[in-house]
Each structure stands twice: as C-alpha cells, then as structure tokens.
Amino acid sequence: MTLIGRSRERGIETLSLDSPDTRNALSAPLVAELADALTDCAKDTDVRAIVLTHTGNTFCAGADLRNPPPPDALVAVLRQIVETPKPVVARVTGHVRAGGLGLLAACDIAAASGEATFAFTEVRIGVAPAVISLPLLPRTDPRALARYYLTGERFDAPEAARIGLLTTAGEDVDDSLAPVLDGLRRSAPEALAETKRLLTARVLETFDRDAADLTALSARLFASAQAREGMTAFLERRDPAWLV
C-alpha cells in the first residue's frame, strides 16, 4: 500500500500524505516512505521544487499512537525537509495536529485555506512537543508558542500565519500558491539551493545542538505512565484521569 502519492507538473513534484483512514498520522511506514520520496526528489534534476500536501480532510494528525515512528526517524525526516536543496512548500486544506505542525515548520513556505485548523495537542495526552520544536522554535513567535504549546488550544489559519507557522492563509490555497510556484519555476536551481542554505542555517544549528536531547525527552515522555493514560483515554474517547 502506497502512503505517499506523487505527481509532477512543470518541475513541481507534489508529495501527498495519503493515509486518510488514519488522518495521515505519522506512522513508521509513512515516515519512511516520505523520506524515500524526498531523497528521490533531491536527486532528480527535473524537480525544481516540492509541494507537500494531503488527501482527506486532515493534513496530519500527529504521531500514529498505534504504530509511531522512532523519535530519531521523525527527527531525520524533519531535517531532510529542511536540508533538501529543493524548496519545500506545504499546501494545507484541512486539520493539522501535533507532529503535523513539525512538518509545516520544516517546510520553507507553508500555505493553508480557510478550513484548516491547528493545535499542539501533545500536552493533552501527557507528552510534550519535543522533536517538532527543532524547526518550530527558530521560526515561530515564542509568546504564541508558549500559549498554544501549554494549552493545546485550537487556532485557525489567519492566526497560524500571524505567528509565523504559515507563510500565507487564504480561502483558496491554490490561488495563494500560484504566484509562489510561478516564482520558483522562474528561479535558477543552483540559486534556489544556495538561497535555501542561507535561510535554513539557523534552523540546522538548532538540530545540531538540540536533536539528541529532544529525542531523549520524547522517548522518556512517551514511555511514562502519564502518557499511557493520556493515549489510552484518547483512544477510548474519554477524559484523562488528570482532568480537574
């Protein structure tokens, strides 16, 4: 079963998270397949840029609680998005939760339509947004992150754009992206790669400095009793024991 759809139009390779039955949750197989697709795109001289999008009404629901990827695999695919010499553009027309927000932050440009919603839901299942902080902290408003990390509140696309999670938000995401993709098609491949290198240097410094510690933190929290209660409550569709 293919979990990443692929298509190409005039140098733009579109990779679609294609597991709508799981709300495109980050399972071990999906992360591995996404990594392979990104590797192919990076090597292909006919690919000018990559669009990362989704099928169904959810861009990504976060980690697959039944079959999660190892924390180091998630770190690796986030870094791969940041490091690949081709610009990566997120196209969102649905909901984004937890780990899915890490994918958005790793992309160079991110656009969403009016129906998109966002939430850092980790604290509500007893863990923390550890690994995804690697691309998020350097690129997103720190006061806004403090609120949404700590509360798990849902917010909309205009708010996501205001805090730097998105580049642009509009009712029609393809209208928003049309000038972006036109600009990328008009840009020289080597110039794009070097310009991206300039833009991502600070993000990669964060990976170099913090990836090991945040991977260890993620593993420790996911193995905790509180996380077991939180994930069980989520899967059973009930409130966790700590609700007051």
Protein backbone atom coordinates (compact mmCIF):
# COMPACT_ATOMS: atom_id res chain seq x y z
CA MET A 1 0.00 0.00 0.00
CA THR A 2 1.40 3.37 -1.06
CA LEU A 3 1.21 6.03 1.66
CA ILE A 4 2.75 8.90 -0.34
CA GLY A 5 1.09 9.95 -3.58
CA ARG A 6 3.31 11.51 -6.23
CA SER A 7 2.65 13.68 -9.27
CA ARG A 8 4.58 16.29 -11.26
CA GLU A 9 3.67 19.39 -13.26
CA ARG A 10 6.22 21.71 -14.87
CA GLY A 11 9.02 20.89 -12.46
CA ILE A 12 6.91 20.88 -9.29
CA GLU A 13 6.78 17.45 -7.62
CA THR A 14 3.73 17.02 -5.39
CA LEU A 15 4.01 14.56 -2.50
CA SER A 16 0.67 13.78 -0.86
CA LEU A 17 0.30 12.18 2.55
CA ASP A 18 -2.18 9.51 1.50
CA SER A 19 -3.46 7.62 4.53
CA PRO A 20 -6.83 9.28 5.12
CA ASP A 21 -8.14 6.36 7.18
CA THR A 22 -5.58 7.27 9.87
CA ARG A 23 -5.91 11.02 9.24
CA ASN A 24 -2.41 10.87 7.74
CA ALA A 25 -0.92 10.11 11.14
CA LEU A 26 2.85 9.80 11.25
CA SER A 27 3.28 6.04 11.32
CA ALA A 28 6.65 4.37 10.93
CA PRO A 29 5.86 3.27 7.32
CA LEU A 30 4.53 6.71 6.29
CA VAL A 31 7.61 8.50 7.64
CA ALA A 32 9.92 6.01 5.90
CA GLU A 33 8.09 6.39 2.60
CA LEU A 34 8.12 10.19 2.86
CA ALA A 35 11.87 10.09 3.49
CA ASP A 36 12.40 7.93 0.38
CA ALA A 37 10.30 10.28 -1.75
CA LEU A 38 12.24 13.32 -0.55
CA THR A 39 15.51 11.55 -1.35
CA ASP A 40 14.30 10.84 -4.89
CA CYS A 41 13.26 14.47 -5.39
CA ALA A 42 16.57 15.80 -4.12
CA LYS A 43 18.46 13.72 -6.70
CA ASP A 44 16.16 14.49 -9.63
CA THR A 45 17.41 17.46 -11.66
CA ASP A 46 13.97 17.83 -13.27
CA VAL A 47 12.42 18.70 -9.90
CA ARG A 48 12.56 22.44 -9.22
CA ALA A 49 10.52 22.38 -6.00
CA ILE A 50 8.38 20.07 -3.86
CA VAL A 51 4.81 20.58 -2.69
CA LEU A 52 3.85 18.61 0.42
CA THR A 53 0.08 18.16 0.69
CA HIS A 54 -2.52 15.56 1.73
CA THR A 55 -5.62 13.59 0.86
CA GLY A 56 -8.72 13.74 3.06
CA ASN A 57 -9.73 16.46 5.48
CA THR A 58 -6.61 16.21 7.67
CA PHE A 59 -3.11 17.21 6.62
CA CYS A 60 -1.60 15.24 9.50
CA ALA A 61 -3.00 14.21 12.90
CA GLY A 62 0.44 13.85 14.51
CA ALA A 63 2.09 10.63 15.60
CA ASP A 64 0.29 7.37 14.95
CA LEU A 65 -0.25 6.15 18.50
CA ARG A 66 -0.61 2.54 17.35
CA ASN A 67 2.49 2.46 15.15
CA PRO A 68 4.63 5.53 15.90
CA PRO A 69 7.94 6.15 14.18
CA PRO A 70 11.06 6.08 16.34
CA PRO A 71 11.84 9.63 17.54
CA ASP A 72 15.11 9.63 15.59
CA ALA A 73 13.23 8.78 12.37
CA LEU A 74 10.97 11.79 12.85
CA VAL A 75 13.99 13.99 13.54
CA ALA A 76 15.61 12.67 10.37
CA VAL A 77 12.65 13.40 8.09
CA LEU A 78 12.17 16.89 9.55
CA ARG A 79 15.86 17.61 8.97
CA GLN A 80 15.60 16.16 5.48
CA ILE A 81 12.85 18.65 4.59
CA VAL A 82 14.99 21.49 5.92
CA GLU A 83 18.19 20.27 4.24
CA THR A 84 16.96 19.16 0.83
CA PRO A 85 18.27 21.63 -1.78
CA LYS A 86 14.83 21.98 -3.37
CA PRO A 87 12.33 24.40 -1.79
CA VAL A 88 9.54 22.51 0.00
CA VAL A 89 6.10 24.12 0.05
CA ALA A 90 3.30 22.91 2.34
CA ARG A 91 -0.23 23.01 0.91
CA VAL A 92 -2.90 22.54 3.61
CA THR A 93 -6.66 22.30 3.20
CA GLY A 94 -7.53 20.51 6.43
CA HIS A 95 -6.63 19.94 10.06
CA VAL A 96 -3.10 19.82 11.42
CA ARG A 97 -2.26 18.48 14.85
CA ALA A 98 0.88 17.83 16.93
CA GLY A 99 3.60 16.27 14.79
CA GLY A 100 1.95 17.57 11.63
CA LEU A 101 2.88 21.06 12.77
CA GLY A 102 6.50 19.99 12.76
CA LEU A 103 6.18 19.12 9.07
CA LEU A 104 4.77 22.58 8.36
CA ALA A 105 7.54 24.32 10.26
CA ALA A 106 10.21 22.31 8.44
CA CYS A 107 8.88 23.47 5.05
CA ASP A 108 10.30 26.62 3.50
CA ILE A 109 6.89 28.04 2.60
CA ALA A 110 3.51 26.98 4.00
CA ALA A 111 0.02 27.94 2.83
CA ALA A 112 -3.41 26.93 4.10
CA SER A 113 -7.03 27.52 3.19
CA GLY A 114 -9.77 28.82 5.45
CA GLU A 115 -10.95 25.39 6.57
CA ALA A 116 -7.57 24.49 8.08
CA THR A 117 -7.24 24.28 11.87
CA PHE A 118 -4.18 23.76 14.06
CA ALA A 119 -3.40 22.53 17.58
CA PHE A 120 -0.43 21.34 19.61
CA THR A 121 -2.30 18.52 21.36
CA GLU A 122 0.69 16.80 22.97
CA VAL A 123 0.07 18.10 26.49
CA ARG A 124 -3.46 16.69 26.38
CA ILE A 125 -2.14 13.14 26.02
CA GLY A 126 0.65 13.52 28.56
CA VAL A 127 3.68 14.31 26.37
CA ALA A 128 5.40 17.43 25.02
CA PRO A 129 6.05 18.83 21.52
CA ALA A 130 9.70 17.90 21.86
CA VAL A 131 11.11 16.78 18.50
CA ILE A 132 8.92 19.11 16.44
CA SER A 133 10.36 22.05 18.38
CA LEU A 134 13.53 21.71 16.31
CA PRO A 135 12.03 23.57 13.30
CA LEU A 136 9.28 25.34 15.25
CA LEU A 137 11.25 27.31 17.83
CA PRO A 138 13.50 29.14 15.33
CA ARG A 139 10.62 30.08 13.02
CA THR A 140 7.55 30.78 15.15
CA ASP A 141 6.55 33.57 17.55
CA PRO A 142 7.72 32.49 21.04
CA ARG A 143 4.86 34.07 23.00
CA ALA A 144 2.28 32.42 20.76
CA LEU A 145 4.05 29.08 21.02
CA ALA A 146 4.02 29.36 24.81
CA ARG A 147 0.23 29.72 24.76
CA TYR A 148 -0.53 27.01 22.23
CA TYR A 149 2.08 24.52 23.48
CA LEU A 150 0.82 24.81 27.07
CA THR A 151 -2.93 24.81 26.44
CA GLY A 152 -3.44 22.62 23.37
CA GLU A 153 -5.98 25.16 22.11
CA ARG A 154 -7.15 25.04 18.53
CA PHE A 155 -6.43 28.05 16.27
CA ASP A 156 -7.25 28.98 12.69
CA ALA A 157 -5.25 29.71 9.56
CA PRO A 158 -5.05 33.51 9.93
CA GLU A 159 -3.66 33.04 13.45
CA ALA A 160 -1.21 30.43 12.16
CA ALA A 161 0.01 32.98 9.61
CA ARG A 162 0.25 35.73 12.24
CA ILE A 163 2.54 33.66 14.46
CA GLY A 164 4.79 32.51 11.61
CA LEU A 165 3.63 28.92 11.30
CA LEU A 166 2.22 29.69 7.86
CA THR A 167 3.55 31.95 5.13
CA THR A 168 0.08 32.77 3.85
CA ALA A 169 -3.57 31.93 4.52
CA GLY A 170 -6.50 32.45 2.18
CA GLU A 171 -9.83 30.94 1.27
CA ASP A 172 -8.35 29.22 -1.81
CA VAL A 173 -4.93 27.77 -1.09
CA ASP A 174 -4.14 27.24 -4.76
CA ASP A 175 -4.78 30.91 -5.51
CA SER A 176 -2.39 31.76 -2.68
CA LEU A 177 0.26 29.40 -4.02
CA ALA A 178 0.01 30.30 -7.72
CA PRO A 179 2.50 33.21 -7.55
CA VAL A 180 4.78 31.20 -5.26
CA LEU A 181 5.03 28.27 -7.66
CA ASP A 182 5.41 30.62 -10.62
CA GLY A 183 8.31 32.32 -8.84
CA LEU A 184 10.00 29.00 -8.09
CA ARG A 185 9.67 27.88 -11.70
CA ARG A 186 11.35 31.12 -12.81
CA SER A 187 14.28 30.70 -10.38
CA ALA A 188 17.63 29.08 -11.21
CA PRO A 189 18.09 25.69 -9.49
CA GLU A 190 21.54 26.39 -8.03
CA ALA A 191 20.49 29.84 -6.89
CA LEU A 192 17.48 28.31 -5.13
CA ALA A 193 19.68 25.75 -3.38
CA GLU A 194 22.17 28.35 -2.13
CA THR A 195 19.42 30.75 -1.07
CA LYS A 196 17.71 27.98 0.86
CA ARG A 197 21.03 27.20 2.54
CA LEU A 198 21.19 30.80 3.78
CA LEU A 199 17.63 30.68 5.08
CA THR A 200 17.91 27.36 6.91
CA ALA A 201 21.29 27.81 8.60
CA ARG A 202 19.81 28.85 11.96
CA VAL A 203 17.27 26.01 11.90
CA LEU A 204 20.00 23.46 11.24
CA GLU A 205 22.04 24.88 14.12
CA THR A 206 19.08 24.05 16.36
CA PHE A 207 19.04 20.47 15.04
CA ASP A 208 22.78 20.13 15.63
CA ARG A 209 22.55 21.48 19.17
CA ASP A 210 19.28 20.04 20.46
CA ALA A 211 18.23 16.96 18.45
CA ALA A 212 19.77 14.37 20.78
CA ASP A 213 18.30 15.94 23.94
CA LEU A 214 14.84 16.39 22.47
CA THR A 215 14.80 12.87 21.06
CA ALA A 216 15.64 11.51 24.51
CA LEU A 217 12.96 13.70 26.09
CA SER A 218 10.35 12.46 23.60
CA ALA A 219 11.24 8.82 24.24
CA ARG A 220 11.10 9.30 28.02
CA LEU A 221 7.72 11.04 27.95
CA PHE A 222 6.12 8.54 25.58
CA ALA A 223 7.20 5.73 27.92
CA SER A 224 5.73 7.42 31.01
CA ALA A 225 2.66 6.33 32.96
CA GLN A 226 1.03 9.68 32.28
CA ALA A 227 1.42 9.22 28.54
CA ARG A 228 -0.04 5.72 28.74
CA GLU A 229 -3.09 7.15 30.49
CA GLY A 230 -3.35 10.02 28.03
CA MET A 231 -3.09 7.84 24.95
CA THR A 232 -5.48 5.26 26.36
CA ALA A 233 -8.01 7.98 27.16
CA PHE A 234 -7.64 9.40 23.66
CA LEU A 235 -8.17 6.02 22.00
CA GLU A 236 -11.12 5.26 24.30
CA ARG A 237 -12.59 8.73 23.65
CA ARG A 238 -12.77 9.65 27.33
CA ASP A 239 -11.27 12.32 29.55
CA PRO A 240 -7.87 11.52 31.09
CA ALA A 241 -7.59 10.93 34.83
CA TRP A 242 -5.86 14.27 35.45
CA LEU A 243 -8.78 16.42 34.25
CA VAL A 244 -9.84 18.85 37.01
